[in-house]
Amino acid sequence: MPKSLTAALFGLGLLASSPAFAGEKTVTLAVQNMYCAACPITVKSSLETVPGVAKVVVSYENKTAVVTFDDAKTAVPALISATTNTGYPSALKS
């Protein structure tokens, strides 16, 4: 019985601490419709409104956005929606 109790407590501990396994992720999005040097400002602003986003670097030259975020608070589809909803469709760059 003590072994099964220990296993049960260990399992509950893992479930309770699952956010501890979440972490910071960085992805690169390919961003469309950036035609002028001011466009990256809009793209960056849209991504910074997504909860959990920690850092955004947008490159007009490369048509990309490098986004660092807390994957316990947001996910890639939310990032894509943020840029798309402001007129800059994006997709995860492979």
Protein backbone atom coordinates (compact mmCIF):
# COMPACT_ATOMS: atom_id res chain seq x y z
CA MET A 1 0.00 0.00 0.00
CA PRO A 2 2.75 2.55 0.75
CA LYS A 3 4.23 2.10 -2.75
CA SER A 4 0.88 2.75 -4.42
CA LEU A 5 0.30 5.78 -2.18
CA THR A 6 3.73 7.12 -3.10
CA ALA A 7 3.02 6.58 -6.80
CA ALA A 8 -0.34 8.31 -6.50
CA LEU A 9 1.16 11.30 -4.73
CA PHE A 10 3.92 11.50 -7.31
CA GLY A 11 1.35 11.44 -10.12
CA LEU A 12 -0.71 14.16 -8.46
CA GLY A 13 2.43 16.21 -8.02
CA LEU A 14 3.18 15.97 -11.72
CA LEU A 15 -0.36 17.00 -12.64
CA ALA A 16 -0.30 19.91 -10.24
CA SER A 17 3.03 21.12 -11.57
CA SER A 18 2.31 20.76 -15.28
CA PRO A 19 2.61 24.53 -15.83
CA ALA A 20 6.15 24.14 -14.57
CA PHE A 21 6.88 22.19 -17.74
CA ALA A 22 5.64 25.08 -19.85
CA GLY A 23 8.30 27.46 -20.93
CA GLU A 24 9.49 30.14 -23.20
CA LYS A 25 9.44 29.33 -26.90
CA THR A 26 10.71 31.26 -29.87
CA VAL A 27 9.21 30.93 -33.34
CA THR A 28 9.72 32.69 -36.65
CA LEU A 29 6.69 33.77 -38.64
CA ALA A 30 6.79 34.56 -42.34
CA VAL A 31 4.75 37.75 -42.66
CA GLN A 32 2.99 38.87 -45.84
CA ASN A 33 1.92 42.35 -47.01
CA MET A 34 4.83 44.30 -45.51
CA TYR A 35 5.44 46.86 -48.23
CA CYS A 36 6.97 49.79 -46.38
CA ALA A 37 9.33 50.45 -43.48
CA ALA A 38 6.40 51.38 -41.20
CA CYS A 39 4.67 47.99 -41.57
CA PRO A 40 6.91 46.19 -39.05
CA ILE A 41 5.75 48.62 -36.36
CA THR A 42 2.15 47.53 -36.88
CA VAL A 43 3.09 43.84 -36.95
CA LYS A 44 5.14 44.19 -33.75
CA SER A 45 2.33 46.07 -32.00
CA SER A 46 -0.22 43.41 -32.94
CA LEU A 47 1.97 40.61 -31.59
CA GLU A 48 2.76 42.46 -28.37
CA THR A 49 -0.95 42.56 -27.51
CA VAL A 50 -1.08 38.75 -27.31
CA PRO A 51 -0.91 37.66 -23.65
CA GLY A 52 2.29 35.75 -22.94
CA VAL A 53 4.41 37.38 -25.65
CA ALA A 54 7.74 38.45 -24.15
CA LYS A 55 9.71 39.71 -27.16
CA VAL A 56 9.08 40.53 -30.81
CA VAL A 57 11.64 41.37 -33.50
CA VAL A 58 10.22 42.14 -36.93
CA SER A 59 12.37 42.32 -40.06
CA TYR A 60 11.05 44.25 -43.03
CA GLU A 61 13.92 43.00 -45.19
CA ASN A 62 13.29 39.32 -44.41
CA LYS A 63 9.50 39.67 -44.05
CA THR A 64 9.67 37.81 -40.73
CA ALA A 65 8.71 38.19 -37.10
CA VAL A 66 10.68 36.36 -34.42
CA VAL A 67 8.43 35.96 -31.39
CA THR A 68 9.37 34.74 -27.93
CA PHE A 69 6.38 33.73 -25.80
CA ASP A 70 5.24 31.73 -22.79
CA ASP A 71 3.62 28.60 -24.20
CA ALA A 72 1.49 28.25 -21.07
CA LYS A 73 -0.24 31.52 -21.96
CA THR A 74 -0.46 31.47 -25.75
CA ALA A 75 0.26 29.42 -28.86
CA VAL A 76 1.28 29.92 -32.47
CA PRO A 77 -2.32 30.13 -33.80
CA ALA A 78 -2.93 33.17 -31.57
CA LEU A 79 0.19 34.84 -32.96
CA ILE A 80 -0.90 34.15 -36.53
CA SER A 81 -4.38 35.52 -35.78
CA ALA A 82 -2.91 38.69 -34.31
CA THR A 83 -0.95 39.54 -37.45
CA THR A 84 -3.67 38.38 -39.84
CA ASN A 85 -6.33 40.46 -38.09
CA THR A 86 -4.24 43.59 -38.65
CA GLY A 87 -3.79 42.91 -42.37
CA TYR A 88 -0.54 40.98 -42.32
CA PRO A 89 -1.22 37.26 -42.82
CA SER A 90 1.53 35.10 -41.40
CA ALA A 91 2.52 31.47 -41.14
CA LEU A 92 5.05 29.51 -39.17
CA LYS A 93 8.32 29.58 -41.07
CA SER A 94 9.93 26.18 -41.42
